C-alpha atoms as a PDB file:
ATOM      1  CA  VAL A   1     -40.769-112.294  51.852  1.00  0.00           C
ATOM      2  CA  GLN A   2     -39.528-110.965  55.110  1.00  0.00           C
ATOM      3  CA  PRO A   3     -36.815-112.135  57.476  1.00  0.00           C
ATOM      4  CA  VAL A   4     -37.775-112.298  61.143  1.00  0.00           C
ATOM      5  CA  GLU A   5     -35.475-111.061  63.888  1.00  0.00           C
ATOM      6  CA  SER A   6     -35.503-112.277  67.477  1.00  0.00           C
ATOM      7  CA  GLY A   7     -33.318-112.235  70.563  1.00  0.00           C
ATOM      8  CA  GLY A   8     -33.422-108.589  71.515  1.00  0.00           C
ATOM      9  CA  GLY A   9     -33.968-107.376  75.033  1.00  0.00           C
ATOM     10  CA  LEU A  10     -32.608-105.436  77.965  1.00  0.00           C
ATOM     11  CA  VAL A  11     -29.040-106.151  79.042  1.00  0.00           C
ATOM     12  CA  GLN A  12     -26.571-104.466  81.370  1.00  0.00           C
ATOM     13  CA  PRO A  13     -23.392-102.866  80.029  1.00  0.00           C
ATOM     14  CA  GLY A  14     -20.770-105.525  79.435  1.00  0.00           C
ATOM     15  CA  GLY A  15     -23.406-108.163  78.831  1.00  0.00           C
ATOM     16  CA  SER A  16     -24.170-110.265  75.773  1.00  0.00           C
ATOM     17  CA  LEU A  17     -27.081-111.008  73.484  1.00  0.00           C
ATOM     18  CA  ARG A  18     -27.483-113.187  70.417  1.00  0.00           C
ATOM     19  CA  LEU A  19     -29.815-112.004  67.713  1.00  0.00           C
ATOM     20  CA  SER A  20     -31.309-114.401  65.189  1.00  0.00           C
ATOM     21  CA  CYS A  21     -32.501-113.724  61.669  1.00  0.00           C
ATOM     22  CA  ALA A  22     -34.728-116.514  60.394  1.00  0.00           C
ATOM     23  CA  ALA A  23     -36.537-117.026  57.133  1.00  0.00           C
ATOM     24  CA  SER A  24     -39.547-119.046  56.142  1.00  0.00           C
ATOM     25  CA  GLY A  25     -40.363-119.814  52.554  1.00  0.00           C
ATOM     26  CA  PHE A  26     -37.126-118.449  51.174  1.00  0.00           C
ATOM     27  CA  THR A  27     -33.468-119.084  51.760  1.00  0.00           C
ATOM     28  CA  LEU A  28     -30.803-117.036  53.484  1.00  0.00           C
ATOM     29  CA  ASN A  29     -28.134-119.609  52.771  1.00  0.00           C
ATOM     30  CA  ASP A  30     -26.634-118.158  49.621  1.00  0.00           C
ATOM     31  CA  ALA A  31     -27.763-114.588  50.095  1.00  0.00           C
ATOM     32  CA  THR A  32     -26.070-111.523  51.443  1.00  0.00           C
ATOM     33  CA  VAL A  33     -27.457-110.974  54.927  1.00  0.00           C
ATOM     34  CA  GLY A  34     -26.841-107.782  56.790  1.00  0.00           C
ATOM     35  CA  TRP A  35     -27.536-106.514  60.274  1.00  0.00           C
ATOM     36  CA  PHE A  36     -28.381-102.845  60.657  1.00  0.00           C
ATOM     37  CA  ARG A  37     -29.390-100.742  63.635  1.00  0.00           C
ATOM     38  CA  GLN A  38     -31.163 -97.488  64.231  1.00  0.00           C
ATOM     39  CA  ALA A  39     -30.877 -95.562  67.455  1.00  0.00           C
ATOM     40  CA  PRO A  40     -33.390 -92.857  68.398  1.00  0.00           C
ATOM     41  CA  GLY A  41     -32.761 -89.697  66.426  1.00  0.00           C
ATOM     42  CA  LYS A  42     -30.094 -91.320  64.259  1.00  0.00           C
ATOM     43  CA  GLU A  43     -29.941 -92.784  60.783  1.00  0.00           C
ATOM     44  CA  ARG A  44     -29.937 -96.511  60.259  1.00  0.00           C
ATOM     45  CA  GLU A  45     -26.395 -97.863  60.007  1.00  0.00           C
ATOM     46  CA  GLY A  46     -24.799-101.113  58.936  1.00  0.00           C
ATOM     47  CA  VAL A  47     -23.444-103.267  61.746  1.00  0.00           C
ATOM     48  CA  SER A  48     -22.301-106.451  60.031  1.00  0.00           C
ATOM     49  CA  CYS A  49     -22.792-108.523  56.922  1.00  0.00           C
ATOM     50  CA  ILE A  50     -22.169-112.052  55.717  1.00  0.00           C
ATOM     51  CA  SER A  51     -22.143-112.494  51.971  1.00  0.00           C
ATOM     52  CA  GLY A  52     -23.232-115.476  49.943  1.00  0.00           C
ATOM     53  CA  ASP A  53     -19.661-116.687  49.637  1.00  0.00           C
ATOM     54  CA  GLY A  54     -19.094-116.336  53.381  1.00  0.00           C
ATOM     55  CA  SER A  55     -17.172-113.069  53.425  1.00  0.00           C
ATOM     56  CA  ILE A  56     -17.781-111.119  56.624  1.00  0.00           C
ATOM     57  CA  TYR A  57     -17.768-107.401  57.266  1.00  0.00           C
ATOM     58  CA  TYR A  58     -18.126-105.322  60.430  1.00  0.00           C
ATOM     59  CA  ALA A  59     -18.565-101.692  61.281  1.00  0.00           C
ATOM     60  CA  ASP A  60     -15.530-100.325  63.114  1.00  0.00           C
ATOM     61  CA  SER A  61     -17.679 -99.607  66.163  1.00  0.00           C
ATOM     62  CA  VAL A  62     -18.415-103.316  66.725  1.00  0.00           C
ATOM     63  CA  LYS A  63     -15.224-105.038  65.561  1.00  0.00           C
ATOM     64  CA  GLY A  64     -13.901-107.401  68.191  1.00  0.00           C
ATOM     65  CA  ARG A  65     -17.220-107.395  70.076  1.00  0.00           C
ATOM     66  CA  PHE A  66     -19.804-108.680  67.594  1.00  0.00           C
ATOM     67  CA  ALA A  67     -19.691-111.840  65.488  1.00  0.00           C
ATOM     68  CA  ILE A  68     -21.952-112.788  62.596  1.00  0.00           C
ATOM     69  CA  SER A  69     -22.508-116.392  61.594  1.00  0.00           C
ATOM     70  CA  ARG A  70     -24.771-118.512  59.434  1.00  0.00           C
ATOM     71  CA  ASP A  71     -26.408-121.876  60.110  1.00  0.00           C
ATOM     72  CA  ASN A  72     -27.487-123.262  56.763  1.00  0.00           C
ATOM     73  CA  ALA A  73     -29.340-126.196  58.274  1.00  0.00           C
ATOM     74  CA  LYS A  74     -31.564-123.798  60.195  1.00  0.00           C
ATOM     75  CA  ASN A  75     -31.705-121.161  57.448  1.00  0.00           C
ATOM     76  CA  THR A  76     -30.717-118.628  60.087  1.00  0.00           C
ATOM     77  CA  VAL A  77     -28.102-115.916  60.514  1.00  0.00           C
ATOM     78  CA  TYR A  78     -26.931-114.906  63.972  1.00  0.00           C
ATOM     79  CA  LEU A  79     -25.360-111.815  65.454  1.00  0.00           C
ATOM     80  CA  GLN A  80     -23.522-112.549  68.683  1.00  0.00           C
ATOM     81  CA  MET A  81     -23.071-109.299  70.579  1.00  0.00           C
ATOM     82  CA  ASN A  82     -20.593-109.204  73.468  1.00  0.00           C
ATOM     83  CA  SER A  83     -19.260-106.420  75.679  1.00  0.00           C
ATOM     84  CA  LEU A  84     -22.362-104.403  74.974  1.00  0.00           C
ATOM     85  CA  LYS A  85     -22.322-100.668  75.574  1.00  0.00           C
ATOM     86  CA  PRO A  86     -25.127 -98.152  76.064  1.00  0.00           C
ATOM     87  CA  ASP A  87     -24.265 -96.803  72.600  1.00  0.00           C
ATOM     88  CA  ASP A  88     -25.346-100.164  71.153  1.00  0.00           C
ATOM     89  CA  THR A  89     -28.933 -99.410  72.155  1.00  0.00           C
ATOM     90  CA  ALA A  90     -31.030 -99.449  68.998  1.00  0.00           C
ATOM     91  CA  VAL A  91     -33.569-101.340  66.972  1.00  0.00           C
ATOM     92  CA  TYR A  92     -31.667-104.026  65.089  1.00  0.00           C
ATOM     93  CA  TYR A  93     -32.788-105.070  61.629  1.00  0.00           C
ATOM     94  CA  CYS A  94     -31.909-108.042  59.502  1.00  0.00           C
ATOM     95  CA  ALA A  95     -31.936-107.686  55.727  1.00  0.00           C
ATOM     96  CA  ARG A  96     -31.445-110.002  52.769  1.00  0.00           C
ATOM     97  CA  GLY A  97     -29.956-109.156  49.416  1.00  0.00           C
ATOM     98  CA  THR A  98     -29.482-111.318  46.358  1.00  0.00           C
ATOM     99  CA  ALA A  99     -28.412-108.982  43.569  1.00  0.00           C
ATOM    100  CA  TYR A 100     -24.865-108.113  44.604  1.00  0.00           C
ATOM    101  CA  ARG A 101     -22.062-110.688  44.589  1.00  0.00           C
ATOM    102  CA  GLY A 102     -18.321-110.593  44.903  1.00  0.00           C
ATOM    103  CA  ASN A 103     -16.396-108.105  46.984  1.00  0.00           C
ATOM    104  CA  LEU A 104     -18.849-106.086  49.028  1.00  0.00           C
ATOM    105  CA  TYR A 105     -16.242-104.242  51.066  1.00  0.00           C
ATOM    106  CA  TYR A 106     -17.317-100.766  49.950  1.00  0.00           C
ATOM    107  CA  ILE A 107     -21.057-101.337  49.733  1.00  0.00           C
ATOM    108  CA  TRP A 108     -22.143-103.876  52.357  1.00  0.00           C
ATOM    109  CA  GLY A 109     -23.439-101.125  54.624  1.00  0.00           C
ATOM    110  CA  ALA A 110     -25.560 -99.489  51.937  1.00  0.00           C
ATOM    111  CA  GLU A 111     -29.267-100.145  52.139  1.00  0.00           C
ATOM    112  CA  TYR A 112     -29.664-100.512  48.364  1.00  0.00           C
ATOM    113  CA  VAL A 113     -27.765-103.812  48.554  1.00  0.00           C
ATOM    114  CA  TYR A 114     -30.713-105.371  50.400  1.00  0.00           C
ATOM    115  CA  ASP A 115     -34.190-106.172  49.135  1.00  0.00           C
ATOM    116  CA  ASP A 116     -36.011-107.704  52.064  1.00  0.00           C
ATOM    117  CA  TRP A 117     -36.072-106.269  55.561  1.00  0.00           C
ATOM    118  CA  GLY A 118     -37.322-107.545  58.864  1.00  0.00           C
ATOM    119  CA  GLN A 119     -39.345-105.467  61.282  1.00  0.00           C
ATOM    120  CA  GLY A 120     -36.572-105.196  63.827  1.00  0.00           C
ATOM    121  CA  THR A 121     -35.864-106.195  67.400  1.00  0.00           C
ATOM    122  CA  GLN A 122     -35.118-103.771  70.227  1.00  0.00           C
ATOM    123  CA  VAL A 123     -31.800-103.975  72.037  1.00  0.00           C
ATOM    124  CA  THR A 124     -31.419-101.827  75.140  1.00  0.00           C
ATOM    125  CA  VAL A 125     -28.155-101.656  77.038  1.00  0.00           C
ATOM    126  CA  SER A 126     -28.653-100.017  80.396  1.00  0.00           C
ATOM    127  CA  SER A 127     -27.877-100.475  84.046  1.00  0.00           C
END
């Protein structure tokens, strides 16, 4: 059981990318799905999350630039990334969690919330 990320790549500062998190054989539709990233030499950090009830959370560093969404028909969660900066360069991971429900405001960025992790997709923002 492993989500699969796609959509990473090289983009210039100010550009956009849309990452996809897809699942086969299991559902993302009523799960908590989070996007994390890890830059070289840094710890992995939460970027955004959409809970099973549709609540959405963002890290302060991406608010107003990134948007998370879910397409139930395609069993896919997206991360639209706009106004990209060099500091956004990282490997981006998608993760699924099913154990935690309700208000995730204080815990959505904690890795223990998630059970299944993808292998990541590289995003590089550079001119």
